[in-house]
């Protein structure tokens, strides 16, 4: 993908030089994709595994997507609001939320994803990403961040049921509108 060379050489903010994660996609990726899911920042586990949103919170999101789309063709891209890791300490052992300035500096990669993959739906995972997308006038659906669902009980909890139903409704509605 040609935009990755631009992303690899980025020095737009103070996060440059930290480990980077770009995107992960469903296996059937071909623009336009059905959805773009945007988290806030890489986690420790994401860095170990080498892809965004693959730790416990990502597995919760993936489980919901898989259950909802088991009988339909559904393509998606998952990324974060920043591609570099927002460490909160000098020893680079603690990861925090990216600052608004860091997210603004990295917004070009979300714009590239939107331009390249042409998603029919954009999902903001949590309030941090929601503020960023609103600021840049990106039409999106707000979802509770999967880590917040895990904190409140994970799968089987009322929060998970609401999370699942919200994603399901958006995906089914989006697929219906796309086929009309």
N, C-alpha and C. Protein backbone atom coordinates (compact mmCIF):
# COMPACT_ATOMS: atom_id res chain seq x y z
N UNK A 1 0.85 -1.17 0.00
CA UNK A 1 0.00 0.00 0.00
C UNK A 1 0.90 1.24 0.00
N UNK A 2 0.68 2.13 -0.92
CA UNK A 2 1.57 3.27 -1.11
C UNK A 2 1.59 4.26 0.04
N UNK A 3 0.52 4.40 0.79
CA UNK A 3 0.51 5.38 1.88
C UNK A 3 1.39 4.96 3.04
N UNK A 4 1.65 3.68 3.19
CA UNK A 4 2.48 3.25 4.31
C UNK A 4 3.87 3.85 4.25
N UNK A 5 4.43 4.08 3.09
CA UNK A 5 5.75 4.70 3.04
C UNK A 5 5.68 6.11 3.63
N UNK A 6 4.60 6.82 3.40
CA UNK A 6 4.41 8.14 3.99
C UNK A 6 4.29 8.01 5.51
N UNK A 7 3.55 7.03 5.96
CA UNK A 7 3.35 6.84 7.40
C UNK A 7 4.66 6.45 8.08
N UNK A 8 5.45 5.58 7.44
CA UNK A 8 6.70 5.11 8.05
C UNK A 8 7.69 6.25 8.25
N UNK A 9 7.65 7.25 7.40
CA UNK A 9 8.60 8.36 7.47
C UNK A 9 8.04 9.58 8.19
N UNK A 10 6.92 9.44 8.84
CA UNK A 10 6.26 10.58 9.49
C UNK A 10 7.10 11.10 10.66
N UNK A 11 7.15 12.42 10.76
CA UNK A 11 7.78 13.07 11.92
C UNK A 11 6.94 14.28 12.32
N UNK A 12 5.62 14.14 12.19
CA UNK A 12 4.70 15.27 12.39
C UNK A 12 4.53 15.70 13.85
N UNK A 13 4.84 14.82 14.80
CA UNK A 13 4.63 15.21 16.21
C UNK A 13 5.70 14.62 17.09
N UNK A 14 5.58 14.86 18.38
CA UNK A 14 6.59 14.40 19.33
C UNK A 14 6.56 12.89 19.59
N UNK A 15 5.65 12.17 18.98
CA UNK A 15 5.61 10.72 19.14
C UNK A 15 6.54 10.00 18.17
N UNK A 16 7.03 10.70 17.16
CA UNK A 16 7.83 10.03 16.15
C UNK A 16 9.05 9.37 16.81
N UNK A 17 9.40 8.23 16.31
CA UNK A 17 10.49 7.47 16.89
C UNK A 17 10.01 6.37 17.83
N UNK A 18 8.75 6.44 18.26
CA UNK A 18 8.20 5.38 19.11
C UNK A 18 7.67 4.27 18.20
N UNK A 19 7.44 3.07 18.75
CA UNK A 19 6.91 1.98 17.92
C UNK A 19 5.60 2.37 17.25
N UNK A 20 5.40 1.88 16.02
CA UNK A 20 4.23 2.25 15.23
C UNK A 20 3.39 1.03 14.86
N UNK A 21 2.10 1.25 14.85
CA UNK A 21 1.16 0.25 14.35
C UNK A 21 0.29 0.96 13.34
N UNK A 22 -0.02 0.32 12.25
CA UNK A 22 -0.74 0.99 11.17
C UNK A 22 -2.19 0.56 11.11
N UNK A 23 -2.48 -0.49 10.40
CA UNK A 23 -3.85 -0.94 10.24
C UNK A 23 -3.90 -2.46 10.26
N UNK A 24 -5.08 -2.98 10.47
CA UNK A 24 -5.34 -4.39 10.16
C UNK A 24 -6.65 -4.43 9.41
N UNK A 25 -6.81 -5.43 8.59
CA UNK A 25 -7.99 -5.50 7.74
C UNK A 25 -8.60 -6.89 7.78
N UNK A 26 -9.86 -6.95 7.36
CA UNK A 26 -10.49 -8.24 7.15
C UNK A 26 -9.82 -8.88 5.94
N UNK A 27 -10.04 -10.15 5.75
CA UNK A 27 -9.36 -10.85 4.65
C UNK A 27 -9.89 -10.46 3.28
N UNK A 28 -11.11 -10.00 3.22
CA UNK A 28 -11.74 -9.69 1.93
C UNK A 28 -11.70 -8.19 1.63
N UNK A 29 -10.52 -7.61 1.72
CA UNK A 29 -10.41 -6.16 1.62
C UNK A 29 -10.32 -5.69 0.17
N UNK A 30 -11.25 -4.84 -0.19
CA UNK A 30 -11.29 -4.23 -1.51
C UNK A 30 -12.21 -3.02 -1.42
N UNK A 31 -11.70 -1.85 -1.74
CA UNK A 31 -12.55 -0.65 -1.62
C UNK A 31 -13.78 -0.74 -2.52
N UNK A 32 -14.90 -0.22 -2.09
CA UNK A 32 -15.10 0.39 -0.78
C UNK A 32 -15.31 -0.69 0.28
N UNK A 33 -14.74 -0.45 1.46
CA UNK A 33 -14.95 -1.37 2.58
C UNK A 33 -16.23 -0.99 3.30
N UNK A 34 -16.75 -1.92 4.03
CA UNK A 34 -17.98 -1.66 4.78
C UNK A 34 -17.72 -0.73 5.96
N UNK A 35 -16.59 -0.89 6.65
CA UNK A 35 -16.40 -0.11 7.87
C UNK A 35 -14.94 0.19 8.15
N UNK A 36 -14.74 1.32 8.81
CA UNK A 36 -13.46 1.72 9.37
C UNK A 36 -13.69 1.91 10.86
N UNK A 37 -12.97 1.13 11.69
CA UNK A 37 -13.04 1.24 13.14
C UNK A 37 -11.78 1.97 13.60
N UNK A 38 -11.94 3.01 14.43
CA UNK A 38 -10.80 3.80 14.87
C UNK A 38 -10.74 3.82 16.39
N UNK A 39 -9.65 3.27 16.93
CA UNK A 39 -9.38 3.32 18.36
C UNK A 39 -8.53 4.54 18.68
N UNK A 40 -8.07 4.64 19.94
CA UNK A 40 -7.30 5.83 20.29
C UNK A 40 -5.80 5.66 20.08
N UNK A 41 -5.19 4.61 20.63
CA UNK A 41 -3.73 4.45 20.54
C UNK A 41 -3.35 2.99 20.73
N UNK A 42 -2.16 2.60 20.26
CA UNK A 42 -1.70 1.23 20.49
C UNK A 42 -1.56 0.94 21.99
N UNK A 43 -1.85 -0.30 22.37
CA UNK A 43 -1.64 -0.73 23.75
C UNK A 43 -0.35 -1.56 23.81
N UNK A 44 0.09 -1.88 25.02
CA UNK A 44 1.28 -2.73 25.17
C UNK A 44 1.11 -4.04 24.41
N UNK A 45 -0.05 -4.67 24.59
CA UNK A 45 -0.29 -5.96 23.94
C UNK A 45 -0.37 -5.83 22.42
N UNK A 46 -0.93 -4.72 21.93
CA UNK A 46 -0.98 -4.49 20.49
C UNK A 46 0.44 -4.43 19.94
N UNK A 47 1.34 -3.75 20.67
CA UNK A 47 2.72 -3.64 20.21
C UNK A 47 3.39 -5.00 20.14
N UNK A 48 3.15 -5.85 21.14
CA UNK A 48 3.72 -7.20 21.15
C UNK A 48 3.18 -8.01 19.97
N UNK A 49 1.88 -7.90 19.72
CA UNK A 49 1.24 -8.68 18.67
C UNK A 49 1.39 -8.05 17.28
N UNK A 50 1.74 -6.76 17.23
CA UNK A 50 2.06 -6.12 15.97
C UNK A 50 0.91 -5.57 15.16
N UNK A 51 -0.27 -5.46 15.74
CA UNK A 51 -1.43 -4.91 15.03
C UNK A 51 -2.30 -4.13 16.00
N UNK A 52 -3.06 -3.14 15.49
CA UNK A 52 -3.94 -2.39 16.37
C UNK A 52 -5.18 -3.18 16.79
N UNK A 53 -5.59 -2.96 18.02
CA UNK A 53 -6.81 -3.56 18.57
C UNK A 53 -6.86 -5.08 18.41
N UNK A 54 -5.81 -5.74 18.91
CA UNK A 54 -5.80 -7.21 18.92
C UNK A 54 -5.68 -7.77 20.33
N UNK A 55 -5.52 -6.89 21.31
CA UNK A 55 -5.47 -7.33 22.70
C UNK A 55 -6.88 -7.67 23.15
N UNK A 56 -7.12 -7.73 24.43
CA UNK A 56 -8.43 -8.14 24.97
C UNK A 56 -9.56 -7.27 24.42
N UNK A 57 -9.35 -5.94 24.38
CA UNK A 57 -10.40 -5.06 23.85
C UNK A 57 -10.65 -5.33 22.37
N UNK A 58 -9.60 -5.57 21.62
CA UNK A 58 -9.75 -5.89 20.20
C UNK A 58 -10.44 -7.22 19.98
N UNK A 59 -10.14 -8.20 20.84
CA UNK A 59 -10.81 -9.50 20.71
C UNK A 59 -12.30 -9.39 20.99
N UNK A 60 -12.67 -8.50 21.93
CA UNK A 60 -14.10 -8.28 22.20
C UNK A 60 -14.77 -7.67 20.97
N UNK A 61 -14.14 -6.67 20.37
CA UNK A 61 -14.67 -6.06 19.15
C UNK A 61 -14.74 -7.09 18.03
N UNK A 62 -13.68 -7.86 17.85
CA UNK A 62 -13.64 -8.86 16.79
C UNK A 62 -14.72 -9.92 16.98
N UNK A 63 -14.94 -10.33 18.21
CA UNK A 63 -15.98 -11.31 18.51
C UNK A 63 -17.35 -10.78 18.10
N UNK A 64 -17.63 -9.52 18.43
CA UNK A 64 -18.92 -8.92 18.06
C UNK A 64 -19.05 -8.85 16.54
N UNK A 65 -18.01 -8.39 15.86
CA UNK A 65 -18.04 -8.31 14.39
C UNK A 65 -18.29 -9.69 13.79
N UNK A 66 -17.56 -10.69 14.27
CA UNK A 66 -17.70 -12.04 13.73
C UNK A 66 -19.11 -12.60 13.92
N UNK A 67 -19.69 -12.38 15.11
CA UNK A 67 -21.04 -12.88 15.37
C UNK A 67 -22.07 -12.19 14.49
N UNK A 68 -21.90 -10.89 14.29
CA UNK A 68 -22.86 -10.12 13.51
C UNK A 68 -22.77 -10.43 12.02
N UNK A 69 -21.57 -10.68 11.54
CA UNK A 69 -21.35 -10.81 10.09
C UNK A 69 -21.16 -12.25 9.63
N UNK A 70 -21.50 -13.20 10.47
CA UNK A 70 -21.25 -14.61 10.12
C UNK A 70 -21.91 -15.01 8.79
N UNK A 71 -23.05 -14.42 8.45
CA UNK A 71 -23.76 -14.80 7.23
C UNK A 71 -23.74 -13.72 6.16
N UNK A 72 -22.93 -12.69 6.34
CA UNK A 72 -22.86 -11.63 5.33
C UNK A 72 -21.41 -11.33 4.99
N UNK A 73 -21.19 -10.85 3.79
CA UNK A 73 -19.86 -10.41 3.37
C UNK A 73 -19.62 -9.05 4.00
N UNK A 74 -18.56 -8.92 4.78
CA UNK A 74 -18.30 -7.68 5.50
C UNK A 74 -16.81 -7.41 5.52
N UNK A 75 -16.40 -6.27 4.99
CA UNK A 75 -14.98 -5.92 4.96
C UNK A 75 -14.75 -4.70 5.85
N UNK A 76 -13.59 -4.66 6.48
CA UNK A 76 -13.32 -3.57 7.40
C UNK A 76 -11.82 -3.31 7.53
N UNK A 77 -11.54 -2.12 8.05
CA UNK A 77 -10.18 -1.71 8.39
C UNK A 77 -10.23 -1.24 9.84
N UNK A 78 -9.19 -1.58 10.60
CA UNK A 78 -9.08 -1.12 11.99
C UNK A 78 -7.76 -0.37 12.14
N UNK A 79 -7.83 0.79 12.74
CA UNK A 79 -6.64 1.60 13.00
C UNK A 79 -6.83 2.39 14.28
N UNK A 80 -5.86 3.22 14.61
CA UNK A 80 -5.94 4.09 15.78
C UNK A 80 -5.84 5.54 15.36
N UNK A 81 -6.19 6.44 16.27
CA UNK A 81 -6.11 7.87 15.96
C UNK A 81 -4.67 8.33 15.79
N UNK A 82 -3.73 7.61 16.41
CA UNK A 82 -2.30 7.86 16.20
C UNK A 82 -1.64 6.54 15.83
N UNK A 83 -0.63 6.60 14.98
CA UNK A 83 0.05 5.36 14.60
C UNK A 83 1.27 5.10 15.46
N UNK A 84 1.75 6.11 16.15
CA UNK A 84 2.89 5.95 17.05
C UNK A 84 2.38 5.79 18.49
N UNK A 85 3.25 5.31 19.34
CA UNK A 85 2.87 4.98 20.71
C UNK A 85 3.03 6.19 21.64
N UNK A 86 1.93 6.61 22.30
CA UNK A 86 2.01 7.75 23.22
C UNK A 86 2.45 7.35 24.63
N UNK A 87 3.77 7.23 24.81
CA UNK A 87 4.28 6.90 26.14
C UNK A 87 4.07 8.08 27.07
N UNK A 88 3.86 7.78 28.35
CA UNK A 88 3.62 8.85 29.33
C UNK A 88 4.80 9.05 30.26
N UNK A 89 5.87 8.29 30.07
CA UNK A 89 7.03 8.43 30.96
C UNK A 89 8.32 8.37 30.14
N UNK A 90 9.39 8.82 30.75
CA UNK A 90 10.69 8.87 30.06
C UNK A 90 11.24 7.47 29.75
N UNK A 91 10.91 6.49 30.58
CA UNK A 91 11.44 5.14 30.36
C UNK A 91 10.66 4.38 29.29
N UNK A 92 9.61 4.99 28.79
CA UNK A 92 8.77 4.41 27.74
C UNK A 92 8.23 3.03 28.14
N UNK A 93 7.65 3.00 29.33
CA UNK A 93 7.03 1.76 29.81
C UNK A 93 5.53 1.89 30.00
N UNK A 94 5.02 3.14 30.09
CA UNK A 94 3.58 3.34 30.29
C UNK A 94 2.99 4.05 29.07
N UNK A 95 1.90 3.50 28.58
CA UNK A 95 1.22 4.08 27.42
C UNK A 95 -0.03 4.79 27.90
N UNK A 96 -0.25 5.99 27.39
CA UNK A 96 -1.43 6.76 27.77
C UNK A 96 -2.25 7.14 26.55
N UNK A 97 -3.18 8.01 26.77
CA UNK A 97 -4.01 8.51 25.67
C UNK A 97 -3.21 9.56 24.90
N UNK A 98 -3.38 9.61 23.59
CA UNK A 98 -2.71 10.65 22.82
C UNK A 98 -3.35 12.01 23.12
N UNK A 99 -2.54 13.05 23.01
CA UNK A 99 -3.05 14.40 23.22
C UNK A 99 -3.82 14.85 21.97
N UNK A 100 -4.69 15.84 22.10
CA UNK A 100 -5.37 16.37 20.92
C UNK A 100 -4.39 16.84 19.84
N UNK A 101 -3.28 17.45 20.24
CA UNK A 101 -2.28 17.91 19.27
C UNK A 101 -1.66 16.73 18.52
N UNK A 102 -1.35 15.65 19.23
CA UNK A 102 -0.79 14.46 18.59
C UNK A 102 -1.79 13.85 17.62
N UNK A 103 -3.06 13.80 18.02
CA UNK A 103 -4.08 13.23 17.13
C UNK A 103 -4.29 14.10 15.90
N UNK A 104 -4.27 15.40 16.08
CA UNK A 104 -4.40 16.30 14.93
C UNK A 104 -3.22 16.12 13.97
N UNK A 105 -2.01 15.99 14.52
CA UNK A 105 -0.83 15.80 13.68
C UNK A 105 -0.89 14.50 12.90
N UNK A 106 -1.53 13.50 13.47
CA UNK A 106 -1.60 12.17 12.84
C UNK A 106 -2.89 11.97 12.03
N UNK A 107 -3.74 12.98 11.99
CA UNK A 107 -5.02 12.80 11.32
C UNK A 107 -4.86 12.46 9.83
N UNK A 108 -3.73 12.85 9.24
CA UNK A 108 -3.52 12.56 7.82
C UNK A 108 -3.64 11.06 7.52
N UNK A 109 -3.26 10.22 8.48
CA UNK A 109 -3.34 8.78 8.20
C UNK A 109 -4.79 8.30 8.21
N UNK A 110 -5.65 8.90 9.03
CA UNK A 110 -7.08 8.57 8.98
C UNK A 110 -7.67 9.07 7.66
N UNK A 111 -7.28 10.27 7.26
CA UNK A 111 -7.73 10.79 5.95
C UNK A 111 -7.29 9.86 4.82
N UNK A 112 -6.05 9.37 4.90
CA UNK A 112 -5.55 8.42 3.89
C UNK A 112 -6.39 7.14 3.88
N UNK A 113 -6.71 6.64 5.08
CA UNK A 113 -7.54 5.42 5.17
C UNK A 113 -8.91 5.65 4.54
N UNK A 114 -9.51 6.80 4.84
CA UNK A 114 -10.83 7.11 4.29
C UNK A 114 -10.74 7.23 2.76
N UNK A 115 -9.73 7.91 2.29
CA UNK A 115 -9.57 8.08 0.84
C UNK A 115 -9.27 6.75 0.14
N UNK A 116 -8.37 5.97 0.71
CA UNK A 116 -7.94 4.72 0.08
C UNK A 116 -9.00 3.62 0.15
N UNK A 117 -9.63 3.46 1.33
CA UNK A 117 -10.56 2.35 1.54
C UNK A 117 -12.02 2.73 1.33
N UNK A 118 -12.35 4.01 1.29
CA UNK A 118 -13.70 4.49 1.03
C UNK A 118 -14.77 3.79 1.89
N UNK A 119 -14.60 3.83 3.22
CA UNK A 119 -15.54 3.10 4.09
C UNK A 119 -16.97 3.64 3.98
N UNK A 120 -17.91 2.72 4.00
CA UNK A 120 -19.32 3.11 4.00
C UNK A 120 -19.75 3.58 5.39
N UNK A 121 -19.05 3.11 6.43
CA UNK A 121 -19.32 3.50 7.82
C UNK A 121 -18.00 3.74 8.53
N UNK A 122 -17.97 4.72 9.41
CA UNK A 122 -16.80 4.97 10.25
C UNK A 122 -17.27 4.87 11.70
N UNK A 123 -16.55 4.09 12.50
CA UNK A 123 -16.88 3.90 13.91
C UNK A 123 -15.79 4.52 14.78
N UNK A 124 -16.17 5.42 15.68
CA UNK A 124 -15.25 5.99 16.67
C UNK A 124 -15.37 5.17 17.94
N UNK A 125 -14.26 4.59 18.37
CA UNK A 125 -14.26 3.78 19.59
C UNK A 125 -13.86 4.67 20.77
N UNK A 126 -14.86 5.20 21.44
CA UNK A 126 -14.62 6.02 22.62
C UNK A 126 -14.67 7.52 22.38
N UNK A 127 -14.66 8.25 23.49
CA UNK A 127 -14.83 9.70 23.46
C UNK A 127 -13.64 10.43 22.84
N UNK A 128 -12.43 9.93 23.06
CA UNK A 128 -11.23 10.59 22.52
C UNK A 128 -11.30 10.67 21.01
N UNK A 129 -11.62 9.55 20.38
CA UNK A 129 -11.70 9.50 18.91
C UNK A 129 -12.92 10.28 18.42
N UNK A 130 -13.99 10.23 19.16
CA UNK A 130 -15.20 10.96 18.79
C UNK A 130 -14.91 12.46 18.65
N UNK A 131 -14.20 13.01 19.64
CA UNK A 131 -13.84 14.44 19.57
C UNK A 131 -13.00 14.74 18.34
N UNK A 132 -12.05 13.88 18.03
CA UNK A 132 -11.18 14.08 16.87
C UNK A 132 -11.99 14.07 15.57
N UNK A 133 -12.86 13.09 15.41
CA UNK A 133 -13.63 12.98 14.16
C UNK A 133 -14.62 14.14 14.02
N UNK A 134 -15.22 14.56 15.13
CA UNK A 134 -16.12 15.72 15.07
C UNK A 134 -15.35 16.97 14.63
N UNK A 135 -14.18 17.16 15.20
CA UNK A 135 -13.35 18.33 14.87
C UNK A 135 -13.03 18.38 13.38
N UNK A 136 -12.82 17.21 12.78
CA UNK A 136 -12.46 17.14 11.37
C UNK A 136 -13.66 16.83 10.47
N UNK A 137 -14.86 16.96 11.02
CA UNK A 137 -16.11 16.80 10.27
C UNK A 137 -16.24 15.45 9.55
N UNK A 138 -15.81 14.39 10.23
CA UNK A 138 -15.96 13.04 9.67
C UNK A 138 -17.26 12.45 10.21
N UNK A 139 -18.16 12.08 9.34
CA UNK A 139 -19.42 11.44 9.75
C UNK A 139 -19.07 10.07 10.33
N UNK A 140 -19.58 9.78 11.52
CA UNK A 140 -19.21 8.55 12.20
C UNK A 140 -20.30 8.10 13.17
N UNK A 141 -20.18 6.86 13.59
CA UNK A 141 -21.02 6.29 14.64
C UNK A 141 -20.14 6.15 15.88
N UNK A 142 -20.64 6.62 17.01
CA UNK A 142 -19.89 6.54 18.26
C UNK A 142 -20.19 5.21 18.94
N UNK A 143 -19.13 4.50 19.31
CA UNK A 143 -19.26 3.27 20.09
C UNK A 143 -18.50 3.44 21.40
N UNK A 144 -18.98 2.79 22.44
CA UNK A 144 -18.21 2.75 23.67
C UNK A 144 -16.91 2.00 23.34
N UNK A 145 -15.80 2.44 23.91
CA UNK A 145 -14.55 1.74 23.65
C UNK A 145 -14.66 0.34 24.24
N UNK A 146 -14.19 -0.68 23.52
CA UNK A 146 -14.29 -2.05 24.05
C UNK A 146 -13.65 -2.23 25.43
N UNK A 147 -12.59 -1.49 25.73
CA UNK A 147 -11.98 -1.62 27.06
C UNK A 147 -12.95 -1.16 28.16
N UNK A 148 -13.79 -0.17 27.87
CA UNK A 148 -14.80 0.26 28.84
C UNK A 148 -15.86 -0.82 29.04
N UNK A 149 -16.18 -1.55 27.98
CA UNK A 149 -17.13 -2.66 28.09
C UNK A 149 -16.53 -3.77 28.95
N UNK A 150 -15.24 -4.03 28.77
CA UNK A 150 -14.56 -5.07 29.57
C UNK A 150 -14.56 -4.68 31.04
N UNK A 151 -14.25 -3.42 31.34
CA UNK A 151 -14.23 -2.95 32.73
C UNK A 151 -15.60 -3.12 33.38
N UNK A 152 -16.65 -2.99 32.59
CA UNK A 152 -18.02 -3.09 33.12
C UNK A 152 -18.61 -4.50 32.99
N UNK A 153 -17.75 -5.50 32.83
CA UNK A 153 -18.23 -6.87 32.86
C UNK A 153 -17.96 -7.71 31.63
N UNK A 154 -17.56 -7.10 30.52
CA UNK A 154 -17.23 -7.87 29.32
C UNK A 154 -18.43 -8.57 28.70
N UNK A 155 -18.15 -9.64 27.94
CA UNK A 155 -19.22 -10.38 27.29
C UNK A 155 -20.18 -10.91 28.35
N UNK A 156 -21.45 -10.83 28.05
CA UNK A 156 -22.47 -11.26 29.00
C UNK A 156 -23.02 -10.12 29.84
N UNK A 157 -22.30 -9.01 29.90
CA UNK A 157 -22.79 -7.87 30.69
C UNK A 157 -23.81 -7.07 29.88
N UNK A 158 -24.55 -6.23 30.58
CA UNK A 158 -25.51 -5.35 29.92
C UNK A 158 -24.78 -4.39 28.98
N UNK A 159 -23.61 -3.89 29.39
CA UNK A 159 -22.84 -3.00 28.52
C UNK A 159 -22.45 -3.70 27.22
N UNK A 160 -22.07 -4.98 27.31
CA UNK A 160 -21.72 -5.71 26.09
C UNK A 160 -22.94 -5.86 25.18
N UNK A 161 -24.08 -6.17 25.77
CA UNK A 161 -25.29 -6.33 24.96
C UNK A 161 -25.62 -5.02 24.22
N UNK A 162 -25.50 -3.90 24.92
CA UNK A 162 -25.74 -2.60 24.28
C UNK A 162 -24.72 -2.34 23.18
N UNK A 163 -23.45 -2.61 23.46
CA UNK A 163 -22.35 -2.45 22.50
C UNK A 163 -22.61 -3.30 21.25
N UNK A 164 -22.94 -4.57 21.49
CA UNK A 164 -23.21 -5.51 20.40
C UNK A 164 -24.40 -5.05 19.55
N UNK A 165 -25.48 -4.67 20.20
CA UNK A 165 -26.68 -4.24 19.46
C UNK A 165 -26.42 -2.96 18.67
N UNK A 166 -25.64 -2.06 19.24
CA UNK A 166 -25.33 -0.82 18.52
C UNK A 166 -24.51 -1.11 17.26
N UNK A 167 -23.50 -1.97 17.39
CA UNK A 167 -22.71 -2.34 16.21
C UNK A 167 -23.58 -3.09 15.20
N UNK A 168 -24.37 -4.02 15.70
CA UNK A 168 -25.23 -4.82 14.81
C UNK A 168 -26.18 -3.92 14.02
N UNK A 169 -26.83 -3.01 14.72
CA UNK A 169 -27.78 -2.11 14.06
C UNK A 169 -27.08 -1.28 12.98
N UNK A 170 -25.91 -0.75 13.30
CA UNK A 170 -25.18 0.08 12.34
C UNK A 170 -24.72 -0.75 11.13
N UNK A 171 -24.23 -1.95 11.39
CA UNK A 171 -23.76 -2.81 10.29
C UNK A 171 -24.92 -3.23 9.40
N UNK A 172 -26.00 -3.71 10.01
CA UNK A 172 -27.15 -4.17 9.21
C UNK A 172 -27.76 -3.00 8.45
N UNK A 173 -27.94 -1.85 9.12
CA UNK A 173 -28.47 -0.66 8.43
C UNK A 173 -27.54 -0.22 7.31
N UNK A 174 -26.23 -0.23 7.58
CA UNK A 174 -25.25 0.17 6.57
C UNK A 174 -25.26 -0.76 5.38
N UNK A 175 -25.38 -2.06 5.61
CA UNK A 175 -25.42 -3.03 4.51
C UNK A 175 -26.70 -2.86 3.72
N UNK A 176 -27.81 -2.56 4.40
CA UNK A 176 -29.08 -2.38 3.73
C UNK A 176 -29.03 -1.14 2.83
N UNK A 177 -28.50 -0.04 3.34
CA UNK A 177 -28.40 1.19 2.55
C UNK A 177 -27.48 1.01 1.35
N UNK A 178 -26.39 0.25 1.54
CA UNK A 178 -25.42 0.04 0.47
C UNK A 178 -26.01 -0.81 -0.66
N UNK A 179 -26.95 -1.68 -0.34
CA UNK A 179 -27.51 -2.56 -1.38
C UNK A 179 -28.70 -1.95 -2.10
N UNK A 180 -29.20 -0.82 -1.62
CA UNK A 180 -30.37 -0.18 -2.24
C UNK A 180 -29.95 0.60 -3.47
